[in-house]
C-alpha atoms as a PDB file:
ATOM      1  CA  MET A   1       2.279  -5.051 -58.564  1.00  0.00           C
ATOM      2  CA  LEU A   2       1.967  -5.407 -54.721  1.00  0.00           C
ATOM      3  CA  ALA A   3       3.031  -1.980 -54.403  1.00  0.00           C
ATOM      4  CA  ALA A   4      -0.290  -1.324 -55.920  1.00  0.00           C
ATOM      5  CA  ALA A   5      -2.523  -2.972 -53.869  1.00  0.00           C
ATOM      6  CA  ARG A   6      -0.640  -1.693 -50.636  1.00  0.00           C
ATOM      7  CA  THR A   7      -1.516   1.911 -52.043  1.00  0.00           C
ATOM      8  CA  THR A   8      -5.016   1.047 -52.736  1.00  0.00           C
ATOM      9  CA  VAL A   9      -5.464  -0.351 -49.342  1.00  0.00           C
ATOM     10  CA  ARG A  10      -3.852   2.675 -47.729  1.00  0.00           C
ATOM     11  CA  ARG A  11      -6.316   4.990 -49.485  1.00  0.00           C
ATOM     12  CA  ALA A  12      -9.194   3.224 -48.130  1.00  0.00           C
ATOM     13  CA  ILE A  13      -8.297   3.667 -44.292  1.00  0.00           C
ATOM     14  CA  LEU A  14     -10.183   6.375 -42.705  1.00  0.00           C
ATOM     15  CA  PRO A  15      -8.032   9.155 -41.250  1.00  0.00           C
ATOM     16  CA  THR A  16      -5.296   8.682 -38.865  1.00  0.00           C
ATOM     17  CA  GLY A  17      -7.267  10.168 -35.991  1.00  0.00           C
ATOM     18  CA  ALA A  18     -10.314   7.260 -36.880  1.00  0.00           C
ATOM     19  CA  ARG A  19      -7.973   4.442 -36.762  1.00  0.00           C
ATOM     20  CA  SER A  20      -7.845   1.789 -34.067  1.00  0.00           C
ATOM     21  CA  GLY A  21      -4.906   0.730 -32.597  1.00  0.00           C
ATOM     22  CA  THR A  22      -2.863  -2.007 -34.820  1.00  0.00           C
ATOM     23  CA  LEU A  23      -0.873  -3.730 -32.132  1.00  0.00           C
ATOM     24  CA  ARG A  24      -2.690  -6.595 -30.168  1.00  0.00           C
ATOM     25  CA  MET A  25      -1.111  -7.711 -26.633  1.00  0.00           C
ATOM     26  CA  MET A  26      -0.507 -11.265 -26.567  1.00  0.00           C
ATOM     27  CA  SER A  27      -2.111 -13.843 -24.391  1.00  0.00           C
ATOM     28  CA  ASP A  28       0.649 -15.286 -21.571  1.00  0.00           C
ATOM     29  CA  GLU A  29      -2.070 -18.254 -21.299  1.00  0.00           C
ATOM     30  CA  ALA A  30      -0.698 -21.567 -23.066  1.00  0.00           C
ATOM     31  CA  ASP A  31      -3.891 -23.813 -23.646  1.00  0.00           C
ATOM     32  CA  SER A  32      -3.211 -26.633 -25.850  1.00  0.00           C
ATOM     33  CA  GLY A  33      -7.074 -26.085 -27.531  1.00  0.00           C
ATOM     34  CA  LEU A  34      -6.298 -22.937 -28.917  1.00  0.00           C
ATOM     35  CA  LEU A  35      -4.182 -22.209 -31.930  1.00  0.00           C
ATOM     36  CA  THR A  36      -1.287 -19.495 -31.976  1.00  0.00           C
ATOM     37  CA  ILE A  37      -0.904 -16.875 -34.452  1.00  0.00           C
ATOM     38  CA  ASN A  38       2.120 -14.787 -35.913  1.00  0.00           C
ATOM     39  CA  PHE A  39      -0.022 -12.226 -38.048  1.00  0.00           C
ATOM     40  CA  ASN A  40       2.877  -9.826 -39.831  1.00  0.00           C
ATOM     41  CA  LEU A  41       3.284  -6.976 -42.090  1.00  0.00           C
ATOM     42  CA  PRO A  42       6.869  -5.405 -43.317  1.00  0.00           C
ATOM     43  CA  SER A  43       5.950  -2.341 -41.065  1.00  0.00           C
ATOM     44  CA  GLU A  44       4.645  -4.239 -37.952  1.00  0.00           C
ATOM     45  CA  SER A  45       3.744  -7.277 -36.245  1.00  0.00           C
ATOM     46  CA  ILE A  46       0.085  -7.114 -35.750  1.00  0.00           C
ATOM     47  CA  TYR A  47       0.121 -10.293 -33.498  1.00  0.00           C
ATOM     48  CA  SER A  48       3.201 -12.408 -32.293  1.00  0.00           C
ATOM     49  CA  GLY A  49       2.373 -15.633 -30.561  1.00  0.00           C
ATOM     50  CA  LYS A  50      -1.254 -14.838 -29.642  1.00  0.00           C
ATOM     51  CA  THR A  51      -3.635 -17.609 -28.815  1.00  0.00           C
ATOM     52  CA  VAL A  52      -6.951 -17.578 -30.389  1.00  0.00           C
ATOM     53  CA  GLN A  53      -9.830 -20.209 -31.043  1.00  0.00           C
ATOM     54  CA  SER A  54      -9.608 -19.808 -34.944  1.00  0.00           C
ATOM     55  CA  VAL A  55      -8.977 -17.804 -38.020  1.00  0.00           C
ATOM     56  CA  VAL A  56     -10.475 -18.090 -41.288  1.00  0.00           C
ATOM     57  CA  ILE A  57      -7.947 -17.207 -43.838  1.00  0.00           C
ATOM     58  CA  PRO A  58      -8.662 -15.898 -47.760  1.00  0.00           C
ATOM     59  CA  GLY A  59      -6.344 -18.731 -49.470  1.00  0.00           C
ATOM     60  CA  ALA A  60      -6.001 -18.152 -53.469  1.00  0.00           C
ATOM     61  CA  ALA A  61      -7.789 -21.672 -53.884  1.00  0.00           C
ATOM     62  CA  GLY A  62     -10.525 -20.738 -51.419  1.00  0.00           C
ATOM     63  CA  GLU A  63     -11.560 -19.460 -48.258  1.00  0.00           C
ATOM     64  CA  TYR A  64     -10.363 -22.088 -45.081  1.00  0.00           C
ATOM     65  CA  GLY A  65     -10.659 -21.650 -41.416  1.00  0.00           C
ATOM     66  CA  VAL A  66      -7.579 -23.074 -39.115  1.00  0.00           C
ATOM     67  CA  THR A  67      -8.061 -24.346 -35.325  1.00  0.00           C
ATOM     68  CA  ALA A  68      -6.206 -26.002 -33.306  1.00  0.00           C
ATOM     69  CA  ASN A  69      -4.274 -29.288 -34.597  1.00  0.00           C
ATOM     70  CA  HIS A  70      -4.884 -28.081 -37.975  1.00  0.00           C
ATOM     71  CA  SER A  71      -3.088 -30.213 -40.626  1.00  0.00           C
ATOM     72  CA  PRO A  72       0.050 -28.469 -41.985  1.00  0.00           C
ATOM     73  CA  ILE A  73      -0.558 -26.325 -45.099  1.00  0.00           C
ATOM     74  CA  ILE A  74       0.796 -23.264 -47.175  1.00  0.00           C
ATOM     75  CA  SER A  75      -1.255 -20.991 -49.014  1.00  0.00           C
ATOM     76  CA  GLU A  76      -0.824 -17.840 -51.017  1.00  0.00           C
ATOM     77  CA  LEU A  77      -3.790 -15.246 -50.089  1.00  0.00           C
ATOM     78  CA  LYS A  78      -5.888 -13.522 -52.354  1.00  0.00           C
ATOM     79  CA  PRO A  79      -7.647 -10.021 -51.451  1.00  0.00           C
ATOM     80  CA  GLY A  80     -10.078 -10.774 -48.648  1.00  0.00           C
ATOM     81  CA  VAL A  81     -10.901 -10.826 -45.055  1.00  0.00           C
ATOM     82  CA  VAL A  82      -8.793 -12.361 -42.523  1.00  0.00           C
ATOM     83  CA  SER A  83     -10.899 -13.105 -39.788  1.00  0.00           C
ATOM     84  CA  ILE A  84      -9.765 -13.967 -36.400  1.00  0.00           C
ATOM     85  CA  THR A  85     -11.881 -15.464 -33.242  1.00  0.00           C
ATOM     86  CA  HIS A  86     -10.156 -14.704 -30.098  1.00  0.00           C
ATOM     87  CA  THR A  87     -12.366 -16.814 -27.994  1.00  0.00           C
ATOM     88  CA  ASP A  88     -15.503 -19.281 -28.322  1.00  0.00           C
ATOM     89  CA  GLY A  89     -18.751 -17.254 -29.026  1.00  0.00           C
ATOM     90  CA  SER A  90     -16.655 -13.593 -29.430  1.00  0.00           C
ATOM     91  CA  GLU A  91     -17.431 -11.564 -32.704  1.00  0.00           C
ATOM     92  CA  PRO A  92     -14.064 -11.999 -35.104  1.00  0.00           C
ATOM     93  CA  GLU A  93     -11.582  -9.321 -35.478  1.00  0.00           C
ATOM     94  CA  ASN A  94     -11.638  -8.677 -39.380  1.00  0.00           C
ATOM     95  CA  PHE A  95      -8.627  -7.458 -41.218  1.00  0.00           C
ATOM     96  CA  PHE A  96      -8.709  -7.150 -45.044  1.00  0.00           C
ATOM     97  CA  VAL A  97      -5.363  -7.836 -46.754  1.00  0.00           C
ATOM     98  CA  PRO A  98      -4.505  -7.459 -50.442  1.00  0.00           C
ATOM     99  CA  GLY A  99      -2.669 -10.521 -50.617  1.00  0.00           C
ATOM    100  CA  GLY A 100       0.063 -12.300 -48.855  1.00  0.00           C
ATOM    101  CA  PHE A 101       1.141 -15.849 -47.942  1.00  0.00           C
ATOM    102  CA  ALA A 102      -0.170 -18.053 -44.685  1.00  0.00           C
ATOM    103  CA  LEU A 103       1.632 -21.292 -43.406  1.00  0.00           C
ATOM    104  CA  THR A 104       0.219 -23.542 -40.767  1.00  0.00           C
ATOM    105  CA  HIS A 105       2.597 -25.558 -38.798  1.00  0.00           C
ATOM    106  CA  PRO A 106       1.968 -29.129 -37.374  1.00  0.00           C
ATOM    107  CA  ASN A 107       1.999 -27.548 -33.707  1.00  0.00           C
ATOM    108  CA  SER A 108      -1.126 -25.618 -33.874  1.00  0.00           C
ATOM    109  CA  THR A 109       0.904 -22.099 -34.963  1.00  0.00           C
ATOM    110  CA  THR A 110      -0.167 -20.629 -38.099  1.00  0.00           C
ATOM    111  CA  ASP A 111       1.688 -17.675 -39.696  1.00  0.00           C
ATOM    112  CA  ILE A 112       0.174 -14.767 -41.751  1.00  0.00           C
ATOM    113  CA  SER A 113       2.393 -12.386 -43.804  1.00  0.00           C
ATOM    114  CA  CYS A 114       0.607  -9.824 -45.900  1.00  0.00           C
ATOM    115  CA  PRO A 115       1.749  -6.521 -47.355  1.00  0.00           C
ATOM    116  CA  GLU A 116      -1.057  -4.616 -45.562  1.00  0.00           C
ATOM    117  CA  ALA A 117      -3.856  -5.488 -43.260  1.00  0.00           C
ATOM    118  CA  VAL A 118      -6.720  -3.038 -42.287  1.00  0.00           C
ATOM    119  CA  LYS A 119      -9.312  -3.613 -40.010  1.00  0.00           C
ATOM    120  CA  LEU A 120     -12.564  -3.555 -41.858  1.00  0.00           C
ATOM    121  CA  ASP A 121     -14.084  -0.692 -39.354  1.00  0.00           C
ATOM    122  CA  ASP A 122     -11.074   1.170 -40.341  1.00  0.00           C
ATOM    123  CA  ILE A 123     -12.170   1.589 -44.113  1.00  0.00           C
ATOM    124  CA  ASP A 124     -13.905   4.369 -45.896  1.00  0.00           C
ATOM    125  CA  SER A 125     -16.342   2.737 -48.550  1.00  0.00           C
ATOM    126  CA  SER A 126     -17.095   5.958 -50.304  1.00  0.00           C
ATOM    127  CA  VAL A 127     -13.434   6.258 -50.745  1.00  0.00           C
ATOM    128  CA  VAL A 128     -13.416   2.441 -51.987  1.00  0.00           C
ATOM    129  CA  THR A 129     -16.154   3.556 -54.527  1.00  0.00           C
ATOM    130  CA  GLY A 130     -14.345   6.432 -55.852  1.00  0.00           C
ATOM    131  CA  ALA A 131     -10.914   4.282 -56.440  1.00  0.00           C
ATOM    132  CA  PHE A 132     -12.679   1.552 -58.058  1.00  0.00           C
ATOM    133  CA  GLU A 133     -14.198   4.272 -60.637  1.00  0.00           C
ATOM    134  CA  SER A 134     -11.219   6.098 -60.860  1.00  0.00           C
ATOM    135  CA  ALA A 135      -9.171   2.891 -61.558  1.00  0.00           C
ATOM    136  CA  LYS A 136     -12.040   1.664 -64.270  1.00  0.00           C
ATOM    137  CA  ALA A 137     -11.631   4.844 -65.864  1.00  0.00           C
ATOM    138  CA  ILE A 138      -7.899   4.677 -66.394  1.00  0.00           C
ATOM    139  CA  TYR A 139      -8.250   0.676 -67.400  1.00  0.00           C
ATOM    140  CA  GLU A 140     -10.871   1.738 -70.332  1.00  0.00           C
ATOM    141  CA  LYS A 141      -8.015   4.621 -71.579  1.00  0.00           C
ATOM    142  CA  ALA A 142      -4.905   2.627 -70.999  1.00  0.00           C
ATOM    143  CA  ASP A 143      -3.390   0.740 -74.249  1.00  0.00           C
ATOM    144  CA  ASP A 144      -3.924  -3.209 -73.920  1.00  0.00           C
ATOM    145  CA  GLY A 145      -0.559  -4.775 -72.573  1.00  0.00           C
ATOM    146  CA  SER A 146       0.771  -1.563 -70.943  1.00  0.00           C
ATOM    147  CA  ILE A 147       1.813  -1.352 -67.240  1.00  0.00           C
ATOM    148  CA  GLU A 148      -0.548   1.413 -66.648  1.00  0.00           C
ATOM    149  CA  LYS A 149      -3.533  -1.038 -67.851  1.00  0.00           C
ATOM    150  CA  ALA A 150      -2.162  -3.908 -65.574  1.00  0.00           C
ATOM    151  CA  GLU A 151      -1.778  -1.626 -62.711  1.00  0.00           C
ATOM    152  CA  ALA A 152      -5.487  -0.344 -63.017  1.00  0.00           C
ATOM    153  CA  GLN A 153      -6.490  -3.890 -63.545  1.00  0.00           C
ATOM    154  CA  ILE A 154      -4.994  -4.619 -60.016  1.00  0.00           C
ATOM    155  CA  ASP A 155      -6.365  -1.413 -58.441  1.00  0.00           C
ATOM    156  CA  MET A 156      -9.967  -2.432 -59.612  1.00  0.00           C
ATOM    157  CA  GLU A 157      -9.821  -5.842 -58.086  1.00  0.00           C
ATOM    158  CA  VAL A 158      -8.425  -4.803 -54.874  1.00  0.00           C
ATOM    159  CA  ASN A 159     -10.954  -2.402 -54.489  1.00  0.00           C
ATOM    160  CA  LYS A 160     -14.053  -4.605 -55.770  1.00  0.00           C
ATOM    161  CA  ALA A 161     -12.220  -7.142 -52.952  1.00  0.00           C
ATOM    162  CA  LEU A 162     -12.660  -4.482 -50.572  1.00  0.00           C
ATOM    163  CA  GLY A 163     -16.137  -3.568 -51.332  1.00  0.00           C
ATOM    164  CA  ALA A 164     -17.476  -6.915 -51.285  1.00  0.00           C
ATOM    165  CA  ALA A 165     -15.929  -7.252 -47.711  1.00  0.00           C
ATOM    166  CA  LEU A 166     -17.913  -4.092 -46.809  1.00  0.00           C
ATOM    167  CA  GLY A 167     -21.097  -5.903 -48.493  1.00  0.00           C
ATOM    168  CA  MET A 168     -20.643  -3.449 -51.557  1.00  0.00           C
ATOM    169  CA  SER A 169     -21.129  -4.698 -54.971  1.00  0.00           C
ATOM    170  CA  LEU A 170     -18.973  -2.817 -57.160  1.00  0.00           C
END
């Protein structure tokens, strides 16, 4: 099922030439007032040992923010936006994720593991709308209880979350 979500996310990405680089440089600065994040995908590490001010995570039980000295928590992620604030007052860096897991350790380190992550700036809203409509048509034609119907429902939910992240209503 995650493969369907990964494919949906990849379809919504702008052409390769328009994408921004995904690997960010780590900070060598060790500041006890900051949070350390490790943000990993199966194919790459977006951040490893990066110190940031905070991160907002789309937990399955609700969205929550993490800062330094946060209590330990393990969370399944729902499709939504991981928002990383690098320094106080800076604009957050936003990534759409189709799901995954987050683990906050007692030492002010948070690990985020997702099957895919895409910067919001790299998502084409017209592709999201078209993918949603296509999945909806497949869902309506598929037999109840079929794998085809389940996959179409996942595609609809992921595209709806993508649209919501972009301020669209699908």
